[in-house]
Amino acid sequence: MEISTGLCYYIGGTKRNLVRSRALEDKEKILKSVRQLMKAYEGGLPGGEKMPEHENPGVDKGSKENYLYFTLPMALNYQRNSYVLWECANRLYREVPMLFDCASVVSMPEEELQAILVKYKVALQPNKQPVIWKTLCNTFAERFNGDVRNFFSDMCYEVAAIKEYIRKNKKLFPYLGGNKICNYWLYVMEQYTDVEFCDRENITVAPDTHVIQASIKLGVITAEEAKNANVQLKLAQRWYELLKDTEYTPIDVHTPMWLWSRGKFAVDIM
């Protein structure tokens, strides 16, 4: 595992063995802290706070509407308060449910769609975000009969296949195709719908600000590394290597880290 202490692997002889020994010690130390964090989370800590997506209309987990509910607003979830977004999305679903039906959205005049999304504060960027919403609806309507479930089924419920399809058709999945949000979207779908992916280990850590800060605190990366432009890819790789052959997959640690950071690390797990 490439660790954050700056130890190098090109040193020869006994020094290389020393480096490997230090690397193993650091890995075990981090894993011990991770297990403590998971234990705290399972016990209602840190903070006992719910994730933003808990704000939902509570429709049948396996329904087409539920899959779309956790897909369309997700694509608008950037540079804003996630809790407020999902509160607004929940109110929109209860009062204007047709906006979560792909056929209805596709046939709706753009001005009407824009007005509704802005009115309910689901869209904060009136020119860009309604286009994202409609583009996604067009994609699902034209290719998957307006049903996210059909998309997953066509991909044989394989995370790797879903990601590859989105990568090859990124313009059809605006923002949802980003590395960070795509992984988090698949994680949310797993948590709040009835989908079961056959290779969930391919859902990597979704490194937003809170996950990055928690990773620094745990020693997975350094504060200096967190400033790099490629921090998201580097962090995903580090977590994959760290948790390989353990009881956890990378995405399992997302929510505990997110809440731990958001709670200003009040829970001592180190």
Foldseek 3Di string as FASTA:
>chain_A
DDFAPPQDCPDDDVVNVVSVVVVVVLLVLLVQLLVLLVVQVVVCDDVVDDDLQVLAQPDAQADQLNLLLLQLLLLQPDPDDSNLLSNLSRVCCVPPVCLSFLVSLLPDDLVVLLVSCVVSVSHPPSPPSSVLSNLLSVLCCVPPVSGVVSVCVVQVLALVSSLVVCVVVVVSNRSCNDLLSVLVSVVVSVVRHVRDHPCNLPSFARDDPQLLVLCCVSRRHHPVLCPDPCSRVSSRVSLQVSCPPHPDRRNVSRVSSNRCVVVVVPDDSD
